[in-house]
Amino acid sequence: MDDPDFLRLGRGISHLSFDDIVRNPRMAEARKFYLSRFLALYDRDPFMARLLIEARRFLVYHTAVILGLAQNPDRRETWLTVGRLKKAVGLFWDASDRHLDELIARLCAVEFLRSEEAAQDRRVRILRPTEKMLAHDRAWLAAHYAPLTVVSRFDDYHPVMRQDAAYQSTNRRIAVDFMPFSGKLLAVAPELLLFFKHAGGHVVSAALLHSAMTEPNEGAPILYAEVSERFGVSRTHVRSLLDAAQAAGLVRLEGRGGNRVQILPRLWESYDRGLAAGMFSHEMVHALAVGRPSAATAREAGARA
């Protein structure tokens, strides 16, 4: 959060700091709002869950959206070729070419990406996000900006919350510069890596946390068959994930068959740090996207008025 190169990207604009977010007295409310919006993206949608719920699949999808929207026909170096996508993903994951080819082909097969000749050079094929992919990304952005509308002193999140397509393009073009720092965000909450390393781990943990916030004194009920149906992961996989989380001191399984889960303080604290880190990064991108002035500029404008 204090990387000078990262912070340099936000110079000249007003934005929330990491401490502004993580220490905000409404952080628990923001967390609940985020969890409800995030879960709505995948709940009872096995197709979308299976397509994107695994962390590495999501990484390929997410990188393709950002680079796809940032393409400039007049700048060849920005074209989203398969090679450029693989290079960008390689910053975070040492995958084989074959595995990445399979994931890219899958995104094309379900009409999230299309491959076409570059108008300026027909020898080159580029990838473009389809409207189906872009619509999901707009909903994803709205879910991840939702908690900022709770804790922020700024009131300029309307374009992202109404899922404006022009705003999406601007946001994603700016986000390209932030991509090299994305992997470092997880260092703020290393405990969450346990969930990210398991297929469906992020969404299962989100469902448990959301449930625990509605029944804080009794533990989150966990019906393994229901979770399996909601998110397209097996009951055995969910139980293995929770066993690993219990061994790591993040949860405690209770009741017959471990059908209630107590979220331990270490997981609450880690989740809030991780969420706040993501919110901080999103906030900086957004402030640049809407052209939010610096505090000094705002004061000067107020004085002139």
C-alpha atoms as a PDB file:
ATOM      1  CA  MET A   1       0.000   0.000   0.000  1.00  0.00           C
ATOM      2  CA  ASP A   2       3.000   2.292   0.333  1.00  0.00           C
ATOM      3  CA  ASP A   3       4.785   1.323  -2.902  1.00  0.00           C
ATOM      4  CA  PRO A   4       6.001   4.708  -4.261  1.00  0.00           C
ATOM      5  CA  ASP A   5       5.467   3.672  -7.886  1.00  0.00           C
ATOM      6  CA  PHE A   6       1.907   2.652  -7.087  1.00  0.00           C
ATOM      7  CA  LEU A   7       1.151   5.847  -5.173  1.00  0.00           C
ATOM      8  CA  ARG A   8       2.705   7.929  -7.956  1.00  0.00           C
ATOM      9  CA  LEU A   9      -0.117   6.837 -10.262  1.00  0.00           C
ATOM     10  CA  GLY A  10      -2.599   8.732  -8.113  1.00  0.00           C
ATOM     11  CA  ARG A  11      -0.713  12.005  -7.800  1.00  0.00           C
ATOM     12  CA  GLY A  12      -2.686  15.118  -8.617  1.00  0.00           C
ATOM     13  CA  ILE A  13      -6.060  13.678  -7.594  1.00  0.00           C
ATOM     14  CA  SER A  14      -7.979  13.402  -4.354  1.00  0.00           C
ATOM     15  CA  HIS A  15      -8.554   9.835  -3.245  1.00  0.00           C
ATOM     16  CA  LEU A  16      -9.097   7.792  -0.110  1.00  0.00           C
ATOM     17  CA  SER A  17      -6.042   6.303   1.558  1.00  0.00           C
ATOM     18  CA  PHE A  18      -5.806   2.674   2.631  1.00  0.00           C
ATOM     19  CA  ASP A  19      -6.160   3.766   6.266  1.00  0.00           C
ATOM     20  CA  ASP A  20      -9.233   5.858   5.391  1.00  0.00           C
ATOM     21  CA  ILE A  21     -10.872   2.651   4.209  1.00  0.00           C
ATOM     22  CA  VAL A  22      -9.700  -0.089   6.564  1.00  0.00           C
ATOM     23  CA  ARG A  23     -10.280   2.035   9.710  1.00  0.00           C
ATOM     24  CA  ASN A  24     -13.622   3.433   8.617  1.00  0.00           C
ATOM     25  CA  PRO A  25     -16.293   2.796  11.285  1.00  0.00           C
ATOM     26  CA  ARG A  26     -18.695   1.638   8.550  1.00  0.00           C
ATOM     27  CA  MET A  27     -16.306  -0.997   7.184  1.00  0.00           C
ATOM     28  CA  ALA A  28     -18.483  -3.901   8.386  1.00  0.00           C
ATOM     29  CA  GLU A  29     -21.470  -2.376   6.595  1.00  0.00           C
ATOM     30  CA  ALA A  30     -19.367  -1.912   3.461  1.00  0.00           C
ATOM     31  CA  ARG A  31     -18.226  -5.537   3.664  1.00  0.00           C
ATOM     32  CA  LYS A  32     -21.797  -6.813   3.847  1.00  0.00           C
ATOM     33  CA  PHE A  33     -22.844  -4.655   0.885  1.00  0.00           C
ATOM     34  CA  TYR A  34     -19.918  -5.930  -1.160  1.00  0.00           C
ATOM     35  CA  LEU A  35     -20.594  -9.569  -0.280  1.00  0.00           C
ATOM     36  CA  SER A  36     -24.241  -9.320  -1.308  1.00  0.00           C
ATOM     37  CA  ARG A  37     -23.374  -7.690  -4.660  1.00  0.00           C
ATOM     38  CA  PHE A  38     -20.476 -10.065  -5.360  1.00  0.00           C
ATOM     39  CA  LEU A  39     -22.472 -13.204  -4.556  1.00  0.00           C
ATOM     40  CA  ALA A  40     -25.301 -12.026  -6.805  1.00  0.00           C
ATOM     41  CA  LEU A  41     -22.916 -12.315  -9.778  1.00  0.00           C
ATOM     42  CA  TYR A  42     -22.495 -16.083  -9.360  1.00  0.00           C
ATOM     43  CA  ASP A  43     -25.236 -17.350  -7.052  1.00  0.00           C
ATOM     44  CA  ARG A  44     -27.443 -19.981  -8.739  1.00  0.00           C
ATOM     45  CA  ASP A  45     -25.579 -19.471 -12.016  1.00  0.00           C
ATOM     46  CA  PRO A  46     -23.521 -22.660 -12.431  1.00  0.00           C
ATOM     47  CA  PHE A  47     -22.419 -21.705 -15.961  1.00  0.00           C
ATOM     48  CA  MET A  48     -20.870 -18.413 -14.873  1.00  0.00           C
ATOM     49  CA  ALA A  49     -19.509 -19.951 -11.684  1.00  0.00           C
ATOM     50  CA  ARG A  50     -17.777 -22.793 -13.504  1.00  0.00           C
ATOM     51  CA  LEU A  51     -16.456 -20.418 -16.161  1.00  0.00           C
ATOM     52  CA  LEU A  52     -14.875 -17.858 -13.842  1.00  0.00           C
ATOM     53  CA  ILE A  53     -14.913 -19.140 -10.279  1.00  0.00           C
ATOM     54  CA  GLU A  54     -11.445 -20.708 -10.444  1.00  0.00           C
ATOM     55  CA  ALA A  55      -8.820 -18.058  -9.726  1.00  0.00           C
ATOM     56  CA  ARG A  56      -6.622 -18.744 -12.766  1.00  0.00           C
ATOM     57  CA  ARG A  57      -9.544 -18.786 -15.177  1.00  0.00           C
ATOM     58  CA  PHE A  58     -10.689 -15.493 -13.717  1.00  0.00           C
ATOM     59  CA  LEU A  59      -7.190 -14.048 -14.108  1.00  0.00           C
ATOM     60  CA  VAL A  60      -7.223 -14.767 -17.849  1.00  0.00           C
ATOM     61  CA  TYR A  61     -10.738 -13.367 -18.216  1.00  0.00           C
ATOM     62  CA  HIS A  62      -9.985 -10.253 -16.161  1.00  0.00           C
ATOM     63  CA  THR A  63      -6.739  -9.498 -17.974  1.00  0.00           C
ATOM     64  CA  ALA A  64      -8.452  -9.941 -21.348  1.00  0.00           C
ATOM     65  CA  VAL A  65     -11.202  -7.475 -20.409  1.00  0.00           C
ATOM     66  CA  ILE A  66      -8.772  -4.781 -19.300  1.00  0.00           C
ATOM     67  CA  LEU A  67      -6.367  -5.128 -22.226  1.00  0.00           C
ATOM     68  CA  GLY A  68      -9.208  -5.617 -24.675  1.00  0.00           C
ATOM     69  CA  LEU A  69     -10.858  -2.334 -23.767  1.00  0.00           C
ATOM     70  CA  ALA A  70      -7.510  -0.532 -23.704  1.00  0.00           C
ATOM     71  CA  GLN A  71      -6.674  -1.393 -27.341  1.00  0.00           C
ATOM     72  CA  ASN A  72      -5.877   1.510 -29.645  1.00  0.00           C
ATOM     73  CA  PRO A  73      -6.075   0.646 -33.378  1.00  0.00           C
ATOM     74  CA  ASP A  74      -3.328   3.177 -34.105  1.00  0.00           C
ATOM     75  CA  ARG A  75      -0.915   1.728 -31.538  1.00  0.00           C
ATOM     76  CA  ARG A  76       0.147  -1.775 -32.471  1.00  0.00           C
ATOM     77  CA  GLU A  77       1.738  -2.379 -29.068  1.00  0.00           C
ATOM     78  CA  THR A  78      -1.712  -2.160 -27.441  1.00  0.00           C
ATOM     79  CA  TRP A  79      -3.359  -4.809 -29.629  1.00  0.00           C
ATOM     80  CA  LEU A  80      -4.610  -7.773 -27.650  1.00  0.00           C
ATOM     81  CA  THR A  81      -2.952 -10.674 -29.388  1.00  0.00           C
ATOM     82  CA  VAL A  82      -2.787 -14.123 -27.833  1.00  0.00           C
ATOM     83  CA  GLY A  83       0.911 -13.516 -27.222  1.00  0.00           C
ATOM     84  CA  ARG A  84       0.302 -10.242 -25.384  1.00  0.00           C
ATOM     85  CA  LEU A  85      -2.409 -11.808 -23.238  1.00  0.00           C
ATOM     86  CA  LYS A  86      -0.102 -14.674 -22.294  1.00  0.00           C
ATOM     87  CA  LYS A  87       2.697 -12.241 -21.421  1.00  0.00           C
ATOM     88  CA  ALA A  88       0.387 -10.182 -19.192  1.00  0.00           C
ATOM     89  CA  VAL A  89      -0.972 -13.257 -17.410  1.00  0.00           C
ATOM     90  CA  GLY A  90       2.595 -14.466 -16.973  1.00  0.00           C
ATOM     91  CA  LEU A  91       3.249 -11.578 -14.574  1.00  0.00           C
ATOM     92  CA  PHE A  92       1.106 -13.422 -12.025  1.00  0.00           C
ATOM     93  CA  TRP A  93       1.068 -17.077 -13.061  1.00  0.00           C
ATOM     94  CA  ASP A  94       3.683 -19.335 -14.630  1.00  0.00           C
ATOM     95  CA  ALA A  95       1.266 -21.317 -16.802  1.00  0.00           C
ATOM     96  CA  SER A  96       2.093 -23.457 -19.805  1.00  0.00           C
ATOM     97  CA  ASP A  97       1.237 -22.190 -23.279  1.00  0.00           C
ATOM     98  CA  ARG A  98      -1.053 -25.171 -23.723  1.00  0.00           C
ATOM     99  CA  HIS A  99      -3.046 -24.418 -20.583  1.00  0.00           C
ATOM    100  CA  LEU A 100      -3.458 -20.763 -21.532  1.00  0.00           C
ATOM    101  CA  ASP A 101      -4.457 -21.727 -25.068  1.00  0.00           C
ATOM    102  CA  GLU A 102      -7.176 -23.954 -23.591  1.00  0.00           C
ATOM    103  CA  LEU A 103      -8.497 -21.174 -21.334  1.00  0.00           C
ATOM    104  CA  ILE A 104      -8.505 -18.615 -24.162  1.00  0.00           C
ATOM    105  CA  ALA A 105     -10.246 -21.105 -26.455  1.00  0.00           C
ATOM    106  CA  ARG A 106     -12.873 -21.681 -23.769  1.00  0.00           C
ATOM    107  CA  LEU A 107     -13.583 -17.953 -23.487  1.00  0.00           C
ATOM    108  CA  CYS A 108     -13.968 -17.807 -27.257  1.00  0.00           C
ATOM    109  CA  ALA A 109     -16.204 -20.899 -27.319  1.00  0.00           C
ATOM    110  CA  VAL A 110     -18.661 -19.363 -24.829  1.00  0.00           C
ATOM    111  CA  GLU A 111     -18.624 -16.071 -26.773  1.00  0.00           C
ATOM    112  CA  PHE A 112     -16.791 -13.982 -24.212  1.00  0.00           C
ATOM    113  CA  LEU A 113     -13.937 -13.328 -26.627  1.00  0.00           C
ATOM    114  CA  ARG A 114     -13.759 -13.283 -30.414  1.00  0.00           C
ATOM    115  CA  SER A 115     -10.683 -13.552 -32.578  1.00  0.00           C
ATOM    116  CA  GLU A 116     -10.512 -11.404 -35.693  1.00  0.00           C
ATOM    117  CA  GLU A 117      -8.053  -9.975 -38.188  1.00  0.00           C
ATOM    118  CA  ALA A 118      -6.563  -6.614 -37.312  1.00  0.00           C
ATOM    119  CA  ALA A 119      -7.906  -4.038 -39.756  1.00  0.00           C
ATOM    120  CA  GLN A 120      -4.463  -2.437 -40.053  1.00  0.00           C
ATOM    121  CA  ASP A 121      -2.612  -5.724 -40.622  1.00  0.00           C
ATOM    122  CA  ARG A 122      -4.582  -8.782 -41.676  1.00  0.00           C
ATOM    123  CA  ARG A 123      -1.648 -11.042 -40.899  1.00  0.00           C
ATOM    124  CA  VAL A 124      -2.309 -10.386 -37.202  1.00  0.00           C
ATOM    125  CA  ARG A 125      -5.258 -11.758 -35.231  1.00  0.00           C
ATOM    126  CA  ILE A 126      -6.444  -9.867 -32.192  1.00  0.00           C
ATOM    127  CA  LEU A 127      -8.846 -10.750 -29.400  1.00  0.00           C
ATOM    128  CA  ARG A 128     -11.846  -8.579 -28.582  1.00  0.00           C
ATOM    129  CA  PRO A 129     -14.183  -8.828 -25.591  1.00  0.00           C
ATOM    130  CA  THR A 130     -17.785  -9.399 -26.662  1.00  0.00           C
ATOM    131  CA  GLU A 131     -20.757  -7.533 -25.245  1.00  0.00           C
ATOM    132  CA  LYS A 132     -21.540 -10.619 -23.167  1.00  0.00           C
ATOM    133  CA  MET A 133     -18.130 -10.356 -21.526  1.00  0.00           C
ATOM    134  CA  LEU A 134     -18.330  -6.586 -21.132  1.00  0.00           C
ATOM    135  CA  ALA A 135     -21.768  -6.750 -19.505  1.00  0.00           C
ATOM    136  CA  HIS A 136     -20.428  -9.141 -16.868  1.00  0.00           C
ATOM    137  CA  ASP A 137     -17.442  -6.857 -16.304  1.00  0.00           C
ATOM    138  CA  ARG A 138     -19.712  -3.841 -15.752  1.00  0.00           C
ATOM    139  CA  ALA A 139     -21.655  -5.801 -13.134  1.00  0.00           C
ATOM    140  CA  TRP A 140     -18.360  -6.957 -11.582  1.00  0.00           C
ATOM    141  CA  LEU A 141     -17.128  -3.373 -11.360  1.00  0.00           C
ATOM    142  CA  ALA A 142     -20.374  -2.222  -9.746  1.00  0.00           C
ATOM    143  CA  ALA A 143     -20.066  -4.963  -7.114  1.00  0.00           C
ATOM    144  CA  HIS A 144     -16.491  -3.973  -6.292  1.00  0.00           C
ATOM    145  CA  TYR A 145     -17.262  -0.253  -6.103  1.00  0.00           C
ATOM    146  CA  ALA A 146     -20.373  -0.798  -3.983  1.00  0.00           C
ATOM    147  CA  PRO A 147     -18.465  -0.785  -0.654  1.00  0.00           C
ATOM    148  CA  LEU A 148     -16.790   2.513  -1.560  1.00  0.00           C
ATOM    149  CA  THR A 149     -20.209   4.153  -1.755  1.00  0.00           C
ATOM    150  CA  VAL A 150     -20.591   3.269   1.937  1.00  0.00           C
ATOM    151  CA  VAL A 151     -17.265   4.498   3.345  1.00  0.00           C
ATOM    152  CA  SER A 152     -16.227   7.261   0.945  1.00  0.00           C
ATOM    153  CA  ARG A 153     -16.501  10.991   1.496  1.00  0.00           C
ATOM    154  CA  PHE A 154     -16.755  11.395  -2.288  1.00  0.00           C
ATOM    155  CA  ASP A 155     -20.028  11.174  -4.191  1.00  0.00           C
ATOM    156  CA  ASP A 156     -18.954  10.528  -7.772  1.00  0.00           C
ATOM    157  CA  TYR A 157     -19.462   6.767  -8.161  1.00  0.00           C
ATOM    158  CA  HIS A 158     -22.706   7.086 -10.141  1.00  0.00           C
ATOM    159  CA  PRO A 159     -21.230   6.089 -13.556  1.00  0.00           C
ATOM    160  CA  VAL A 160     -19.819   2.808 -12.284  1.00  0.00           C
ATOM    161  CA  MET A 161     -22.888   1.953 -10.196  1.00  0.00           C
ATOM    162  CA  ARG A 162     -25.243   2.483 -13.148  1.00  0.00           C
ATOM    163  CA  GLN A 163     -22.877   0.335 -15.242  1.00  0.00           C
ATOM    164  CA  ASP A 164     -22.148   2.991 -17.856  1.00  0.00           C
ATOM    165  CA  ALA A 165     -20.283   1.551 -20.856  1.00  0.00           C
ATOM    166  CA  ALA A 166     -18.314   4.722 -21.627  1.00  0.00           C
ATOM    167  CA  TYR A 167     -17.118   4.901 -18.039  1.00  0.00           C
ATOM    168  CA  GLN A 168     -16.139   1.218 -18.191  1.00  0.00           C
ATOM    169  CA  SER A 169     -13.870   1.867 -21.178  1.00  0.00           C
ATOM    170  CA  THR A 170     -12.161   4.784 -19.425  1.00  0.00           C
ATOM    171  CA  ASN A 171     -11.753   2.848 -16.181  1.00  0.00           C
ATOM    172  CA  ARG A 172     -10.210  -0.158 -17.927  1.00  0.00           C
ATOM    173  CA  ARG A 173      -7.779   1.935 -19.989  1.00  0.00           C
ATOM    174  CA  ILE A 174      -6.504   3.520 -16.776  1.00  0.00           C
ATOM    175  CA  ALA A 175      -6.414   0.163 -14.982  1.00  0.00           C
ATOM    176  CA  VAL A 176      -3.698  -1.090 -17.373  1.00  0.00           C
ATOM    177  CA  ASP A 177      -1.108   0.981 -15.491  1.00  0.00           C
ATOM    178  CA  PHE A 178      -2.189  -0.588 -12.195  1.00  0.00           C
ATOM    179  CA  MET A 179      -1.924  -4.200 -13.378  1.00  0.00           C
ATOM    180  CA  PRO A 180       1.732  -4.752 -12.382  1.00  0.00           C
ATOM    181  CA  PHE A 181       0.787  -4.042  -8.764  1.00  0.00           C
ATOM    182  CA  SER A 182      -2.241  -6.334  -8.599  1.00  0.00           C
ATOM    183  CA  GLY A 183      -0.337  -9.329  -7.284  1.00  0.00           C
ATOM    184  CA  LYS A 184       1.080  -7.265  -4.426  1.00  0.00           C
ATOM    185  CA  LEU A 185      -2.390  -6.575  -3.059  1.00  0.00           C
ATOM    186  CA  LEU A 186      -2.647 -10.149  -1.769  1.00  0.00           C
ATOM    187  CA  ALA A 187       0.429  -9.535   0.390  1.00  0.00           C
ATOM    188  CA  VAL A 188      -1.786  -7.362   2.586  1.00  0.00           C
ATOM    189  CA  ALA A 189      -3.852 -10.430   3.536  1.00  0.00           C
ATOM    190  CA  PRO A 190      -1.796 -13.600   2.948  1.00  0.00           C
ATOM    191  CA  GLU A 191      -4.355 -15.723   4.823  1.00  0.00           C
ATOM    192  CA  LEU A 192      -6.752 -15.305   1.905  1.00  0.00           C
ATOM    193  CA  LEU A 193      -4.382 -17.150  -0.415  1.00  0.00           C
ATOM    194  CA  LEU A 194      -5.746 -20.394   1.022  1.00  0.00           C
ATOM    195  CA  PHE A 195      -9.123 -19.607  -0.537  1.00  0.00           C
ATOM    196  CA  PHE A 196      -7.764 -18.232  -3.805  1.00  0.00           C
ATOM    197  CA  LYS A 197      -5.733 -21.397  -4.376  1.00  0.00           C
ATOM    198  CA  HIS A 198      -8.857 -23.586  -4.260  1.00  0.00           C
ATOM    199  CA  ALA A 199     -11.385 -23.623  -7.094  1.00  0.00           C
ATOM    200  CA  GLY A 200     -14.390 -21.688  -5.867  1.00  0.00           C
ATOM    201  CA  GLY A 201     -12.608 -20.759  -2.649  1.00  0.00           C
ATOM    202  CA  HIS A 202     -13.233 -17.043  -2.942  1.00  0.00           C
ATOM    203  CA  VAL A 203     -16.958 -17.329  -3.541  1.00  0.00           C
ATOM    204  CA  VAL A 204     -17.433 -20.041  -0.891  1.00  0.00           C
ATOM    205  CA  SER A 205     -15.664 -17.891   1.703  1.00  0.00           C
ATOM    206  CA  ALA A 206     -17.790 -14.917   0.640  1.00  0.00           C
ATOM    207  CA  ALA A 207     -20.967 -16.958   1.136  1.00  0.00           C
ATOM    208  CA  LEU A 208     -19.839 -18.056   4.601  1.00  0.00           C
ATOM    209  CA  LEU A 209     -18.917 -14.541   5.693  1.00  0.00           C
ATOM    210  CA  HIS A 210     -22.210 -13.159   4.411  1.00  0.00           C
ATOM    211  CA  SER A 211     -24.135 -15.859   6.254  1.00  0.00           C
ATOM    212  CA  ALA A 212     -22.141 -15.271   9.446  1.00  0.00           C
ATOM    213  CA  MET A 213     -23.010 -11.575   9.388  1.00  0.00           C
ATOM    214  CA  THR A 214     -26.703 -12.461   9.598  1.00  0.00           C
ATOM    215  CA  GLU A 215     -26.214 -15.028  12.400  1.00  0.00           C
ATOM    216  CA  PRO A 216     -23.159 -13.704  14.276  1.00  0.00           C
ATOM    217  CA  ASN A 217     -23.762 -15.632  17.502  1.00  0.00           C
ATOM    218  CA  GLU A 218     -24.643 -19.003  16.075  1.00  0.00           C
ATOM    219  CA  GLY A 219     -22.097 -19.566  13.345  1.00  0.00           C
ATOM    220  CA  ALA A 220     -22.735 -19.679   9.631  1.00  0.00           C
ATOM    221  CA  PRO A 221     -24.826 -22.694   8.596  1.00  0.00           C
ATOM    222  CA  ILE A 222     -23.159 -24.726   5.888  1.00  0.00           C
ATOM    223  CA  LEU A 223     -25.306 -27.080   3.850  1.00  0.00           C
ATOM    224  CA  TYR A 224     -22.744 -28.729   1.632  1.00  0.00           C
ATOM    225  CA  ALA A 225     -25.257 -29.860  -0.969  1.00  0.00           C
ATOM    226  CA  GLU A 226     -26.706 -26.338  -1.223  1.00  0.00           C
ATOM    227  CA  VAL A 227     -23.295 -24.697  -1.628  1.00  0.00           C
ATOM    228  CA  SER A 228     -22.455 -27.280  -4.288  1.00  0.00           C
ATOM    229  CA  GLU A 229     -25.621 -26.404  -6.198  1.00  0.00           C
ATOM    230  CA  ARG A 230     -25.192 -22.638  -5.812  1.00  0.00           C
ATOM    231  CA  PHE A 231     -21.648 -22.460  -7.106  1.00  0.00           C
ATOM    232  CA  GLY A 232     -21.037 -25.615  -9.095  1.00  0.00           C
ATOM    233  CA  VAL A 233     -18.394 -27.153  -6.819  1.00  0.00           C
ATOM    234  CA  SER A 234     -18.570 -30.583  -5.210  1.00  0.00           C
ATOM    235  CA  ARG A 235     -19.549 -31.149  -1.601  1.00  0.00           C
ATOM    236  CA  THR A 236     -16.283 -32.964  -1.011  1.00  0.00           C
ATOM    237  CA  HIS A 237     -14.351 -29.997  -2.360  1.00  0.00           C
ATOM    238  CA  VAL A 238     -16.183 -27.566  -0.062  1.00  0.00           C
ATOM    239  CA  ARG A 239     -15.506 -29.753   2.972  1.00  0.00           C
ATOM    240  CA  SER A 240     -11.818 -30.095   2.068  1.00  0.00           C
ATOM    241  CA  LEU A 241     -11.564 -26.316   1.746  1.00  0.00           C
ATOM    242  CA  LEU A 242     -13.141 -25.761   5.164  1.00  0.00           C
ATOM    243  CA  ASP A 243     -10.952 -28.422   6.764  1.00  0.00           C
ATOM    244  CA  ALA A 244      -7.911 -26.575   5.399  1.00  0.00           C
ATOM    245  CA  ALA A 245      -9.269 -23.256   6.698  1.00  0.00           C
ATOM    246  CA  GLN A 246      -9.812 -24.790  10.137  1.00  0.00           C
ATOM    247  CA  ALA A 247      -6.266 -26.167  10.185  1.00  0.00           C
ATOM    248  CA  ALA A 248      -5.015 -22.652   9.339  1.00  0.00           C
ATOM    249  CA  GLY A 249      -6.897 -21.162  12.288  1.00  0.00           C
ATOM    250  CA  LEU A 250      -9.354 -19.194  10.161  1.00  0.00           C
ATOM    251  CA  VAL A 251     -12.607 -21.018  10.994  1.00  0.00           C
ATOM    252  CA  ARG A 252     -13.932 -23.560  13.478  1.00  0.00           C
ATOM    253  CA  LEU A 253     -16.272 -26.311  12.306  1.00  0.00           C
ATOM    254  CA  GLU A 254     -19.025 -27.190  14.759  1.00  0.00           C
ATOM    255  CA  GLY A 255     -22.112 -29.362  14.955  1.00  0.00           C
ATOM    256  CA  ARG A 256     -22.793 -32.739  13.476  1.00  0.00           C
ATOM    257  CA  GLY A 257     -20.764 -33.194  10.300  1.00  0.00           C
ATOM    258  CA  GLY A 258     -19.246 -29.743  10.700  1.00  0.00           C
ATOM    259  CA  ASN A 259     -22.449 -28.136   9.429  1.00  0.00           C
ATOM    260  CA  ARG A 260     -21.895 -24.836  11.231  1.00  0.00           C
ATOM    261  CA  VAL A 261     -18.859 -22.635  10.755  1.00  0.00           C
ATOM    262  CA  GLN A 262     -17.554 -20.102  13.230  1.00  0.00           C
ATOM    263  CA  ILE A 263     -15.546 -17.404  11.464  1.00  0.00           C
ATOM    264  CA  LEU A 264     -12.561 -16.701  13.691  1.00  0.00           C
ATOM    265  CA  PRO A 265     -11.214 -13.156  14.250  1.00  0.00           C
ATOM    266  CA  ARG A 266      -8.123 -13.819  12.135  1.00  0.00           C
ATOM    267  CA  LEU A 267     -10.267 -14.380   9.035  1.00  0.00           C
ATOM    268  CA  TRP A 268     -12.482 -11.337   9.657  1.00  0.00           C
ATOM    269  CA  GLU A 269      -9.414  -9.123  10.052  1.00  0.00           C
ATOM    270  CA  SER A 270      -7.647 -10.578   7.039  1.00  0.00           C
ATOM    271  CA  TYR A 271     -10.730 -10.342   4.829  1.00  0.00           C
ATOM    272  CA  ASP A 272     -11.216  -6.683   5.728  1.00  0.00           C
ATOM    273  CA  ARG A 273      -7.572  -5.887   4.950  1.00  0.00           C
ATOM    274  CA  GLY A 274      -7.823  -7.655   1.603  1.00  0.00           C
ATOM    275  CA  LEU A 275     -11.122  -5.973   0.774  1.00  0.00           C
ATOM    276  CA  ALA A 276      -9.744  -2.566   1.764  1.00  0.00           C
ATOM    277  CA  ALA A 277      -6.662  -3.093  -0.438  1.00  0.00           C
ATOM    278  CA  GLY A 278      -8.872  -3.837  -3.434  1.00  0.00           C
ATOM    279  CA  MET A 279     -11.087  -0.857  -2.640  1.00  0.00           C
ATOM    280  CA  PHE A 280      -8.014   1.380  -2.407  1.00  0.00           C
ATOM    281  CA  SER A 281      -6.800   0.338  -5.848  1.00  0.00           C
ATOM    282  CA  HIS A 282     -10.275   0.688  -7.377  1.00  0.00           C
ATOM    283  CA  GLU A 283     -10.640   4.108  -5.767  1.00  0.00           C
ATOM    284  CA  MET A 284      -7.467   5.420  -7.363  1.00  0.00           C
ATOM    285  CA  VAL A 285      -8.469   4.158 -10.809  1.00  0.00           C
ATOM    286  CA  HIS A 286     -11.916   5.679 -10.406  1.00  0.00           C
ATOM    287  CA  ALA A 287     -10.617   9.068  -9.254  1.00  0.00           C
ATOM    288  CA  LEU A 288      -8.515   9.241 -12.419  1.00  0.00           C
ATOM    289  CA  ALA A 289     -11.402   8.003 -14.583  1.00  0.00           C
ATOM    290  CA  VAL A 290     -13.790  10.741 -13.437  1.00  0.00           C
ATOM    291  CA  GLY A 291     -11.080  13.418 -13.363  1.00  0.00           C
ATOM    292  CA  ARG A 292     -11.478  14.098  -9.673  1.00  0.00           C
ATOM    293  CA  PRO A 293      -9.429  17.220  -8.852  1.00  0.00           C
ATOM    294  CA  SER A 294      -6.767  17.378  -6.180  1.00  0.00           C
ATOM    295  CA  ALA A 295      -7.657  18.783  -2.777  1.00  0.00           C
ATOM    296  CA  ALA A 296      -5.690  21.948  -3.548  1.00  0.00           C
ATOM    297  CA  THR A 297      -7.516  22.457  -6.849  1.00  0.00           C
ATOM    298  CA  ALA A 298     -10.864  21.931  -5.141  1.00  0.00           C
ATOM    299  CA  ARG A 299      -9.992  24.512  -2.479  1.00  0.00           C
ATOM    300  CA  GLU A 300      -8.970  27.037  -5.129  1.00  0.00           C
ATOM    301  CA  ALA A 301     -12.222  26.473  -7.010  1.00  0.00           C
ATOM    302  CA  GLY A 302     -14.185  26.926  -3.800  1.00  0.00           C
ATOM    303  CA  ALA A 303     -12.357  30.149  -3.005  1.00  0.00           C
ATOM    304  CA  ARG A 304     -13.088  31.550  -6.480  1.00  0.00           C
ATOM    305  CA  ALA A 305     -16.756  30.646  -6.128  1.00  0.00           C
END
